[in-house]
PDB file of N, CA and C in Angstrom:
ATOM      1  N   MET A   1     264.929 154.359  32.013  1.00  0.00           N
ATOM      2  CA  MET A   1     263.922 155.569  31.942  1.00  0.00           C
ATOM      3  C   MET A   1     264.614 155.828  30.514  1.00  0.00           C
ATOM      4  N   GLN A   2     263.950 156.284  29.767  1.00  0.00           N
ATOM      5  CA  GLN A   2     264.373 156.743  28.308  1.00  0.00           C
ATOM      6  C   GLN A   2     264.839 158.050  28.661  1.00  0.00           C
ATOM      7  N   GLU A   3     265.631 159.055  27.700  1.00  0.00           N
ATOM      8  CA  GLU A   3     265.702 160.123  27.504  1.00  0.00           C
ATOM      9  C   GLU A   3     265.494 160.897  26.700  1.00  0.00           C
ATOM     10  N   CYS A   4     264.653 162.546  26.849  1.00  0.00           N
ATOM     11  CA  CYS A   4     263.739 162.818  25.906  1.00  0.00           C
ATOM     12  C   CYS A   4     265.011 163.547  25.227  1.00  0.00           C
ATOM     13  N   PRO A   5     264.071 163.442  23.662  1.00  0.00           N
ATOM     14  CA  PRO A   5     264.957 164.419  23.042  1.00  0.00           C
ATOM     15  C   PRO A   5     265.430 165.996  23.083  1.00  0.00           C
ATOM     16  N   LEU A   6     266.860 166.018  22.428  1.00  0.00           N
ATOM     17  CA  LEU A   6     267.100 167.375  23.056  1.00  0.00           C
ATOM     18  C   LEU A   6     267.083 168.166  21.998  1.00  0.00           C
ATOM     19  N   LYS A   7     266.172 169.624  22.858  1.00  0.00           N
ATOM     20  CA  LYS A   7     265.683 170.842  21.800  1.00  0.00           C
ATOM     21  C   LYS A   7     266.589 171.100  20.273  1.00  0.00           C
ATOM     22  N   SER A   8     265.979 171.000  19.761  1.00  0.00           N
ATOM     23  CA  SER A   8     266.561 172.105  18.699  1.00  0.00           C
ATOM     24  C   SER A   8     267.390 173.466  18.993  1.00  0.00           C
ATOM     25  N   PRO A   9     268.388 173.746  18.174  1.00  0.00           N
ATOM     26  CA  PRO A   9     269.173 175.103  18.920  1.00  0.00           C
ATOM     27  C   PRO A   9     268.587 176.126  17.811  1.00  0.00           C
ATOM     28  N   CYS A  10     267.477 175.994  17.049  1.00  0.00           N
ATOM     29  CA  CYS A  10     266.949 177.071  16.135  1.00  0.00           C
ATOM     30  C   CYS A  10     266.760 178.300  16.425  1.00  0.00           C
ATOM     31  N   VAL A  11     266.725 180.030  16.349  1.00  0.00           N
ATOM     32  CA  VAL A  11     266.490 180.481  17.441  1.00  0.00           C
ATOM     33  C   VAL A  11     265.476 181.139  16.227  1.00  0.00           C
ATOM     34  N   ASN A  12     265.210 181.004  14.998  1.00  0.00           N
ATOM     35  CA  ASN A  12     264.531 181.091  13.913  1.00  0.00           C
ATOM     36  C   ASN A  12     265.136 182.487  13.047  1.00  0.00           C
ATOM     37  N   ILE A  13     266.257 182.473  13.534  1.00  0.00           N
ATOM     38  CA  ILE A  13     266.594 183.554  12.299  1.00  0.00           C
ATOM     39  C   ILE A  13     267.371 182.572  11.187  1.00  0.00           C
ATOM     40  N   CYS A  14     266.608 181.975  10.028  1.00  0.00           N
ATOM     41  CA  CYS A  14     267.667 181.747   9.505  1.00  0.00           C
ATOM     42  C   CYS A  14     267.936 181.456   8.006  1.00  0.00           C
ATOM     43  N   ALA A  15     268.838 181.780   7.887  1.00  0.00           N
ATOM     44  CA  ALA A  15     269.882 182.301   6.758  1.00  0.00           C
ATOM     45  C   ALA A  15     271.141 181.804   6.965  1.00  0.00           C
ATOM     46  N   LEU A  16     270.991 181.208   5.568  1.00  0.00           N
ATOM     47  CA  LEU A  16     272.845 180.371   5.203  1.00  0.00           C
ATOM     48  C   LEU A  16     273.989 181.539   4.601  1.00  0.00           C
ATOM     49  N   ASP A  17     274.695 181.163   5.512  1.00  0.00           N
ATOM     50  CA  ASP A  17     275.935 182.636   5.305  1.00  0.00           C
ATOM     51  C   ASP A  17     277.244 181.529   4.172  1.00  0.00           C
ATOM     52  N   GLU A  18     277.940 182.292   3.620  1.00  0.00           N
ATOM     53  CA  GLU A  18     278.802 182.109   2.784  1.00  0.00           C
ATOM     54  C   GLU A  18     279.437 180.765   2.984  1.00  0.00           C
ATOM     55  N   ASP A  19     279.243 180.184   4.103  1.00  0.00           N
ATOM     56  CA  ASP A  19     280.319 178.715   4.405  1.00  0.00           C
ATOM     57  C   ASP A  19     279.169 177.678   4.243  1.00  0.00           C
ATOM     58  N   ASP A  20     277.694 178.149   4.180  1.00  0.00           N
ATOM     59  CA  ASP A  20     276.291 177.151   4.391  1.00  0.00           C
ATOM     60  C   ASP A  20     276.263 176.988   6.044  1.00  0.00           C
ATOM     61  N   LEU A  21     276.278 177.884   6.398  1.00  0.00           N
ATOM     62  CA  LEU A  21     276.396 177.566   7.681  1.00  0.00           C
ATOM     63  C   LEU A  21     275.037 178.932   8.727  1.00  0.00           C
ATOM     64  N   CYS A  22     274.226 178.407   9.086  1.00  0.00           N
ATOM     65  CA  CYS A  22     272.999 179.485   9.849  1.00  0.00           C
ATOM     66  C   CYS A  22     273.245 180.331  10.388  1.00  0.00           C
ATOM     67  N   THR A  23     273.044 181.371   9.899  1.00  0.00           N
ATOM     68  CA  THR A  23     273.273 182.289  11.094  1.00  0.00           C
ATOM     69  C   THR A  23     272.957 183.050  12.175  1.00  0.00           C
ATOM     70  N   GLY A  24     271.836 181.646  12.189  1.00  0.00           N
ATOM     71  CA  GLY A  24     271.198 182.228  13.736  1.00  0.00           C
ATOM     72  C   GLY A  24     271.775 181.472  14.550  1.00  0.00           C
ATOM     73  N   CYS A  25     271.737 179.792  14.629  1.00  0.00           N
ATOM     74  CA  CYS A  25     271.930 178.371  14.984  1.00  0.00           C
ATOM     75  C   CYS A  25     273.618 177.806  15.044  1.00  0.00           C
ATOM     76  N   GLN A  26     273.644 178.617  13.828  1.00  0.00           N
ATOM     77  CA  GLN A  26     275.626 178.047  13.639  1.00  0.00           C
ATOM     78  C   GLN A  26     275.587 176.409  12.821  1.00  0.00           C
ATOM     79  N   ARG A  27     274.292 175.973  12.828  1.00  0.00           N
ATOM     80  CA  ARG A  27     274.340 174.438  12.200  1.00  0.00           C
ATOM     81  C   ARG A  27     275.047 174.442  10.451  1.00  0.00           C
ATOM     82  N   SER A  28     274.851 173.231  10.073  1.00  0.00           N
ATOM     83  CA  SER A  28     275.013 173.877   8.473  1.00  0.00           C
ATOM     84  C   SER A  28     273.843 172.838   8.232  1.00  0.00           C
ATOM     85  N   ALA A  29     273.623 173.099   6.814  1.00  0.00           N
ATOM     86  CA  ALA A  29     272.052 172.735   6.162  1.00  0.00           C
ATOM     87  C   ALA A  29     271.931 170.867   6.335  1.00  0.00           C
ATOM     88  N   ALA A  30     273.261 170.384   6.237  1.00  0.00           N
ATOM     89  CA  ALA A  30     273.146 169.138   6.099  1.00  0.00           C
ATOM     90  C   ALA A  30     272.734 168.600   7.882  1.00  0.00           C
ATOM     91  N   GLU A  31     273.239 169.444   9.396  1.00  0.00           N
ATOM     92  CA  GLU A  31     272.567 169.098   9.766  1.00  0.00           C
ATOM     93  C   GLU A  31     271.447 169.660  10.185  1.00  0.00           C
ATOM     94  N   ILE A  32     271.167 170.619  10.209  1.00  0.00           N
ATOM     95  CA  ILE A  32     269.375 170.963  10.267  1.00  0.00           C
ATOM     96  C   ILE A  32     268.522 170.139   9.761  1.00  0.00           C
ATOM     97  N   THR A  33     268.690 169.624   7.941  1.00  0.00           N
ATOM     98  CA  THR A  33     268.323 168.558   7.655  1.00  0.00           C
ATOM     99  C   THR A  33     268.188 167.083   8.246  1.00  0.00           C
ATOM    100  N   ARG A  34     268.819 167.124   9.014  1.00  0.00           N
ATOM    101  CA  ARG A  34     269.064 165.555   9.316  1.00  0.00           C
ATOM    102  C   ARG A  34     268.530 165.395  10.954  1.00  0.00           C
ATOM    103  N   TRP A  35     268.600 166.669  11.746  1.00  0.00           N
ATOM    104  CA  TRP A  35     268.051 166.953  12.757  1.00  0.00           C
ATOM    105  C   TRP A  35     267.094 166.076  13.361  1.00  0.00           C
ATOM    106  N   SER A  36     265.868 166.209  13.101  1.00  0.00           N
ATOM    107  CA  SER A  36     264.942 164.909  13.324  1.00  0.00           C
ATOM    108  C   SER A  36     264.921 163.804  13.279  1.00  0.00           C
ATOM    109  N   ARG A  37     266.473 163.285  13.034  1.00  0.00           N
ATOM    110  CA  ARG A  37     266.685 161.555  12.590  1.00  0.00           C
ATOM    111  C   ARG A  37     267.721 161.409  13.276  1.00  0.00           C
ATOM    112  N   MET A  38     268.238 162.375  13.558  1.00  0.00           N
ATOM    113  CA  MET A  38     269.367 162.362  15.047  1.00  0.00           C
ATOM    114  C   MET A  38     269.076 161.848  16.753  1.00  0.00           C
ATOM    115  N   ASP A  39     270.005 160.983  17.464  1.00  0.00           N
ATOM    116  CA  ASP A  39     269.940 160.521  18.328  1.00  0.00           C
ATOM    117  C   ASP A  39     270.625 161.506  18.970  1.00  0.00           C
ATOM    118  N   ASN A  40     270.223 161.429  20.516  1.00  0.00           N
ATOM    119  CA  ASN A  40     270.549 162.637  20.989  1.00  0.00           C
ATOM    120  C   ASN A  40     272.227 162.202  21.459  1.00  0.00           C
ATOM    121  N   ASP A  41     273.110 161.502  21.468  1.00  0.00           N
ATOM    122  CA  ASP A  41     274.117 161.490  20.777  1.00  0.00           C
ATOM    123  C   ASP A  41     275.087 162.420  19.733  1.00  0.00           C
ATOM    124  N   GLU A  42     274.378 162.308  18.665  1.00  0.00           N
ATOM    125  CA  GLU A  42     275.103 162.635  17.206  1.00  0.00           C
ATOM    126  C   GLU A  42     274.234 164.495  17.788  1.00  0.00           C
ATOM    127  N   ARG A  43     273.219 164.708  18.070  1.00  0.00           N
ATOM    128  CA  ARG A  43     272.920 165.876  18.697  1.00  0.00           C
ATOM    129  C   ARG A  43     273.789 166.548  19.713  1.00  0.00           C
ATOM    130  N   ARG A  44     274.496 166.003  20.779  1.00  0.00           N
ATOM    131  CA  ARG A  44     275.030 166.497  21.796  1.00  0.00           C
ATOM    132  C   ARG A  44     276.947 166.970  20.574  1.00  0.00           C
ATOM    133  N   GLN A  45     277.047 165.981  19.340  1.00  0.00           N
ATOM    134  CA  GLN A  45     278.135 166.435  18.981  1.00  0.00           C
ATOM    135  C   GLN A  45     277.986 168.126  17.948  1.00  0.00           C
ATOM    136  N   VAL A  46     276.457 167.909  17.183  1.00  0.00           N
ATOM    137  CA  VAL A  46     276.444 169.026  16.683  1.00  0.00           C
ATOM    138  C   VAL A  46     276.260 169.978  17.351  1.00  0.00           C
ATOM    139  N   LEU A  47     275.393 170.113  18.682  1.00  0.00           N
ATOM    140  CA  LEU A  47     275.914 171.255  19.351  1.00  0.00           C
ATOM    141  C   LEU A  47     277.143 171.977  20.183  1.00  0.00           C
ATOM    142  N   ALA A  48     277.994 170.712  20.307  1.00  0.00           N
ATOM    143  CA  ALA A  48     279.460 170.890  20.586  1.00  0.00           C
ATOM    144  C   ALA A  48     279.835 171.881  19.321  1.00  0.00           C
ATOM    145  N   ARG A  49     279.708 171.119  18.339  1.00  0.00           N
ATOM    146  CA  ARG A  49     280.091 172.063  16.870  1.00  0.00           C
ATOM    147  C   ARG A  49     279.555 173.634  16.564  1.00  0.00           C
ATOM    148  N   THR A  50     278.461 173.691  17.155  1.00  0.00           N
ATOM    149  CA  THR A  50     277.548 174.952  16.810  1.00  0.00           C
ATOM    150  C   THR A  50     278.253 175.874  17.848  1.00  0.00           C
ATOM    151  N   VAL A  51     278.280 175.614  18.952  1.00  0.00           N
ATOM    152  CA  VAL A  51     279.818 176.302  20.062  1.00  0.00           C
ATOM    153  C   VAL A  51     281.117 176.653  19.403  1.00  0.00           C
ATOM    154  N   GLU A  52     281.496 175.902  18.829  1.00  0.00           N
ATOM    155  CA  GLU A  52     282.963 176.262  17.885  1.00  0.00           C
ATOM    156  C   GLU A  52     282.933 176.999  17.427  1.00  0.00           C
ATOM    157  N   ARG A  53     282.018 176.779  16.399  1.00  0.00           N
ATOM    158  CA  ARG A  53     281.621 178.028  15.285  1.00  0.00           C
ATOM    159  C   ARG A  53     281.516 179.017  15.672  1.00  0.00           C
ATOM    160  N   ALA A  54     280.326 179.158  16.595  1.00  0.00           N
ATOM    161  CA  ALA A  54     279.772 180.167  16.651  1.00  0.00           C
ATOM    162  C   ALA A  54     281.634 181.138  17.866  1.00  0.00           C
ATOM    163  N   ARG A  55     282.197 180.812  18.885  1.00  0.00           N
ATOM    164  CA  ARG A  55     283.423 181.243  18.702  1.00  0.00           C
ATOM    165  C   ARG A  55     284.255 181.771  17.886  1.00  0.00           C
ATOM    166  N   ALA A  56     284.649 180.522  16.741  1.00  0.00           N
ATOM    167  CA  ALA A  56     285.822 181.321  15.868  1.00  0.00           C
ATOM    168  C   ALA A  56     285.096 182.170  15.670  1.00  0.00           C
ATOM    169  N   LYS A  57     283.852 182.762  15.200  1.00  0.00           N
ATOM    170  CA  LYS A  57     283.128 184.025  15.062  1.00  0.00           C
ATOM    171  C   LYS A  57     283.086 184.717  15.529  1.00  0.00           C
ATOM    172  N   GLY A  58     283.717 185.314  16.146  1.00  0.00           N
ATOM    173  CA  GLY A  58     283.340 185.892  17.691  1.00  0.00           C
ATOM    174  C   GLY A  58     282.460 186.314  18.218  1.00  0.00           C
ATOM    175  N   LEU A  59     280.867 185.565  18.213  1.00  0.00           N
ATOM    176  CA  LEU A  59     279.695 185.646  18.673  1.00  0.00           C
ATOM    177  C   LEU A  59     279.967 185.404  20.024  1.00  0.00           C
ATOM    178  N   LEU A  60     280.509 184.023  20.399  1.00  0.00           N
ATOM    179  CA  LEU A  60     280.668 183.896  21.792  1.00  0.00           C
ATOM    180  C   LEU A  60     281.858 184.449  22.096  1.00  0.00           C
ATOM    181  N   ILE A  61     281.264 185.306  23.795  1.00  0.00           N
ATOM    182  CA  ILE A  61     282.741 185.290  24.700  1.00  0.00           C
ATOM    183  C   ILE A  61     282.896 184.048  25.808  1.00  0.00           C
ATOM    184  N   SER A  62     283.926 183.866  25.247  1.00  0.00           N
ATOM    185  CA  SER A  62     284.379 182.418  26.795  1.00  0.00           C
ATOM    186  C   SER A  62     285.487 182.635  27.516  1.00  0.00           C
TER     187      SER A  62
END
C-alpha cells in the first residue's frame, strides 16, 4: 500500500525573514520551492527542521 504524500505545513503567512525562512511555516525558500517534488522521507526531514527552527526562535514551548 502506497503512503499518501505528507501535507504542506503552510499556514498562509507567507513572508521571508532575514534568514530566508518563512515566518509562518519556518521553511526556507528552497524547501518551499522543492516541497512538491520531495518524497515523504525528505518532507519528514524538512518538518523536523521546521520544528527545531521554531523552537530555537521561541515559537514553540517544549
